[in-house]
Protein backbone atom coordinates (compact mmCIF):
# COMPACT_ATOMS: atom_id res chain seq x y z
CA UNK A 1 43.08 -41.82 -45.49
CA UNK A 2 44.32 -43.89 -48.54
CA UNK A 3 41.84 -45.62 -51.22
CA UNK A 4 41.34 -49.69 -50.16
CA UNK A 5 43.94 -51.50 -52.39
CA UNK A 6 42.81 -52.02 -56.03
CA UNK A 7 41.27 -49.08 -56.05
CA UNK A 8 41.01 -46.97 -59.69
CA UNK A 9 39.47 -43.86 -58.69
CA UNK A 10 41.54 -40.65 -58.39
CA UNK A 11 40.19 -39.09 -55.35
CA UNK A 12 41.40 -35.57 -54.45
CA UNK A 13 44.37 -35.28 -52.89
CA UNK A 14 45.42 -39.37 -53.03
CA UNK A 15 47.24 -41.02 -55.60
CA UNK A 16 46.19 -43.28 -57.93
CA UNK A 17 46.41 -47.15 -57.25
CA UNK A 18 46.29 -49.63 -59.88
CA UNK A 19 45.65 -53.24 -59.89
CA UNK A 20 48.06 -55.70 -60.96
CA UNK A 21 47.77 -59.28 -61.96
CA UNK A 22 48.43 -60.60 -58.27
CA UNK A 23 45.22 -58.99 -57.24
CA UNK A 24 42.81 -60.25 -59.53
CA UNK A 25 41.44 -63.75 -58.63
CA UNK A 26 39.50 -65.67 -61.35
CA UNK A 27 37.26 -68.41 -60.29
CA UNK A 28 35.44 -70.80 -62.75
CA UNK A 29 31.62 -72.00 -61.55
CA UNK A 30 31.55 -75.66 -61.83
CA UNK A 31 29.07 -76.40 -65.01
CA UNK A 32 26.90 -79.44 -65.62
CA UNK A 33 27.79 -80.97 -69.22
CA UNK A 34 24.49 -82.39 -69.22
CA UNK A 35 25.26 -86.02 -68.50
CA UNK A 36 25.55 -85.31 -64.66
CA UNK A 37 29.54 -84.68 -64.71
CA UNK A 38 30.60 -81.21 -63.63
CA UNK A 39 33.42 -79.70 -65.93
CA UNK A 40 34.85 -76.64 -66.39
CA UNK A 41 34.55 -73.90 -69.30
CA UNK A 42 37.81 -72.77 -70.47
CA UNK A 43 38.69 -70.97 -73.66
CA UNK A 44 38.45 -72.11 -77.11
CA UNK A 45 42.33 -70.74 -78.12
CA UNK A 46 43.57 -72.75 -74.95
CA UNK A 47 42.06 -76.00 -76.27
CA UNK A 48 42.94 -75.25 -79.93
CA UNK A 49 46.93 -74.50 -78.37
CA UNK A 50 46.86 -78.28 -76.54
CA UNK A 51 45.52 -79.66 -79.62
CA UNK A 52 48.50 -78.09 -81.65
CA UNK A 53 50.83 -79.65 -79.51
CA UNK A 54 49.04 -83.05 -79.05
CA UNK A 55 49.04 -83.45 -82.84
CA UNK A 56 50.18 -80.32 -85.23
CA UNK A 57 49.94 -76.50 -85.36
CA UNK A 58 48.36 -76.89 -88.93
CA UNK A 59 45.80 -79.36 -87.63
CA UNK A 60 44.84 -76.84 -85.09
CA UNK A 61 44.83 -73.81 -87.42
CA UNK A 62 42.59 -76.04 -89.79
CA UNK A 63 40.10 -76.43 -86.78
CA UNK A 64 40.22 -73.01 -85.99
CA UNK A 65 38.91 -72.45 -89.65
CA UNK A 66 36.32 -75.27 -89.69
CA UNK A 67 34.61 -73.41 -85.85
CA UNK A 68 34.66 -70.24 -88.10
CA UNK A 69 33.12 -71.90 -90.90
CA UNK A 70 30.50 -73.92 -88.42
CA UNK A 71 29.72 -70.60 -86.31
CA UNK A 72 28.13 -69.79 -90.00
CA UNK A 73 25.91 -72.13 -90.12
CA UNK A 74 24.44 -71.56 -86.36
CA UNK A 75 27.07 -74.35 -84.23
CA UNK A 76 28.12 -72.44 -81.18
CA UNK A 77 31.69 -74.09 -79.85
CA UNK A 78 31.96 -74.17 -76.41
CA UNK A 79 35.50 -75.27 -74.40
CA UNK A 80 34.76 -77.68 -72.00
CA UNK A 81 37.74 -78.92 -69.14
CA UNK A 82 39.19 -80.85 -71.97
CA UNK A 83 37.64 -80.74 -75.34
CA UNK A 84 35.98 -78.40 -77.43
CA UNK A 85 31.61 -79.02 -77.88
CA UNK A 86 29.94 -78.33 -81.21
CA UNK A 87 26.48 -77.45 -79.99
CA UNK A 88 23.36 -75.90 -81.74
CA UNK A 89 20.31 -74.49 -80.34
CA UNK A 90 16.89 -75.45 -82.07
CA UNK A 91 14.80 -72.23 -82.60
CA UNK A 92 11.40 -74.31 -82.04
CA UNK A 93 12.24 -75.56 -78.79
CA UNK A 94 15.20 -73.44 -77.49
CA UNK A 95 17.24 -76.55 -76.51
CA UNK A 96 20.71 -77.20 -76.68
CA UNK A 97 22.16 -79.97 -78.95
CA UNK A 98 25.30 -81.61 -79.06
CA UNK A 99 26.72 -82.60 -82.40
CA UNK A 100 30.17 -84.07 -80.95
CA UNK A 101 33.48 -83.47 -79.21
CA UNK A 102 36.53 -82.85 -79.78
CA UNK A 103 39.31 -83.61 -77.16
CA UNK A 104 42.61 -81.69 -76.65
CA UNK A 105 44.52 -84.46 -75.73
CA UNK A 106 44.44 -86.42 -78.73
CA UNK A 107 42.16 -84.53 -81.33
CA UNK A 108 39.53 -87.47 -81.79
CA UNK A 109 36.07 -86.62 -82.20
CA UNK A 110 33.60 -88.29 -80.04
CA UNK A 111 30.03 -88.60 -80.59
CA UNK A 112 28.39 -90.70 -77.52
CA UNK A 113 25.97 -87.52 -76.45
CA UNK A 114 24.60 -86.65 -79.96
CA UNK A 115 21.46 -89.18 -79.21
CA UNK A 116 21.40 -88.38 -75.80
CA UNK A 117 20.46 -84.68 -76.92
CA UNK A 118 16.77 -86.17 -78.69
CA UNK A 119 16.73 -88.57 -75.64
CA UNK A 120 16.14 -86.08 -73.33
CA UNK A 121 13.91 -83.75 -74.99
CA UNK A 122 11.92 -86.82 -76.36
CA UNK A 123 12.96 -86.35 -79.94
CA UNK A 124 12.60 -89.28 -82.34
CA UNK A 125 16.71 -90.24 -81.71
CA UNK A 126 17.27 -91.94 -85.06
CA UNK A 127 17.85 -88.67 -86.49
CA UNK A 128 20.87 -88.15 -83.77
CA UNK A 129 21.61 -91.70 -85.24
CA UNK A 130 21.24 -90.55 -88.82
CA UNK A 131 24.01 -87.99 -88.15
CA UNK A 132 26.51 -89.93 -86.39
CA UNK A 133 26.13 -92.56 -89.54
CA UNK A 134 26.70 -89.34 -91.93
CA UNK A 135 29.72 -88.26 -90.28
CA UNK A 136 31.00 -92.18 -90.71
CA UNK A 137 30.21 -92.39 -94.08
CA UNK A 138 32.59 -89.16 -94.47
CA UNK A 139 35.66 -91.39 -93.55
CA UNK A 140 36.47 -94.00 -95.55
CA UNK A 141 36.73 -97.46 -93.26
CA UNK A 142 34.93 -95.79 -90.60
CA UNK A 143 32.09 -97.87 -88.53
CA UNK A 144 29.92 -96.97 -85.98
CA UNK A 145 30.06 -98.81 -82.84
CA UNK A 146 26.97 -98.62 -80.04
CA UNK A 147 28.55 -98.86 -76.41
CA UNK A 148 25.35 -99.72 -74.35
CA UNK A 149 25.50 -98.73 -70.68
CA UNK A 150 22.46 -98.59 -68.32
CA UNK A 151 20.07 -100.39 -71.44
CA UNK A 152 21.15 -97.22 -73.21
CA UNK A 153 23.12 -96.67 -76.68
CA UNK A 154 26.16 -94.48 -76.85
CA UNK A 155 27.43 -94.89 -80.15
CA UNK A 156 30.57 -93.62 -81.28
CA UNK A 157 32.44 -93.15 -84.79
CA UNK A 158 35.52 -95.70 -85.28
CA UNK A 159 38.58 -95.89 -87.71
CA UNK A 160 40.45 -99.21 -86.66
CA UNK A 161 40.29 -99.55 -82.93
CA UNK A 162 39.68 -95.52 -82.41
CA UNK A 163 37.97 -92.98 -82.32
CA UNK A 164 37.83 -90.66 -85.95
CA UNK A 165 39.75 -87.69 -85.71
CA UNK A 166 40.20 -84.33 -86.71
CA UNK A 167 42.86 -85.36 -88.96
CA UNK A 168 40.38 -87.88 -90.48
CA UNK A 169 37.63 -85.15 -91.08
CA UNK A 170 38.77 -82.24 -91.54
CA UNK A 171 39.87 -82.95 -94.95
CA UNK A 172 36.36 -83.63 -95.61
CA UNK A 173 34.66 -80.34 -93.56
CA UNK A 174 32.62 -79.25 -96.45
CA UNK A 175 30.84 -82.77 -95.53
CA UNK A 176 31.18 -82.55 -91.71
CA UNK A 177 29.44 -79.02 -92.22
CA UNK A 178 26.73 -80.81 -94.42
CA UNK A 179 25.71 -83.52 -92.17
CA UNK A 180 25.36 -80.75 -89.40
CA UNK A 181 22.95 -78.81 -91.60
CA UNK A 182 20.88 -81.74 -92.32
CA UNK A 183 20.66 -82.60 -88.91
CA UNK A 184 19.50 -79.09 -87.93
CA UNK A 185 16.74 -79.14 -90.76
CA UNK A 186 15.73 -82.59 -89.59
CA UNK A 187 15.78 -81.48 -85.83
CA UNK A 188 13.83 -77.97 -86.46
CA UNK A 189 10.89 -80.20 -88.65
CA UNK A 190 10.68 -82.64 -85.90
CA UNK A 191 10.84 -80.57 -83.10
CA UNK A 192 8.09 -78.28 -84.93
CA UNK A 193 6.02 -81.23 -85.49
CA UNK A 194 5.68 -82.23 -82.02
CA UNK A 195 2.79 -81.80 -80.02
CA UNK A 196 2.86 -79.19 -77.61
CA UNK A 197 3.72 -80.25 -74.04
CA UNK A 198 4.71 -83.69 -75.03
């Protein structure tokens, strides 16, 4: 009796059968992005390739370098359906905070979910807003626009009529990383001072 198709064992008297790529199906489960939307996780490399096609190979390479530097300070890049999100876990609460998402289609950097991270856990939203203001201060002429929805503010950093992009921020990558480090310190302090169960 032959082994099942795809069996990698070598049973006595039976030939070995390998697995071809056509035999393998990978299904990625949907994940909740924290805002109620369902998305799929895809690899960072795929998103960097998309950014390179939409902008330039050099910008994608510079962003890859930035991500490695961000990881050194505790940022966890995560590939989403069409973006790379910049997450950080607070050691006091174990909660995850977003410091922005970079979209593959145009390399724009979206900050609208930063305040929501604080809103969800009950920490001062002003901490997240201070980070957004620091990001805006990095880029000459950048402004912060607060779109209101359901009585809540969703702030974005804009340059002209569009959102700030990697092309705007990566030349000032050290300042961007410094802004992340400051907000991480402020968040840790606020979380540590928050009464238990509140």
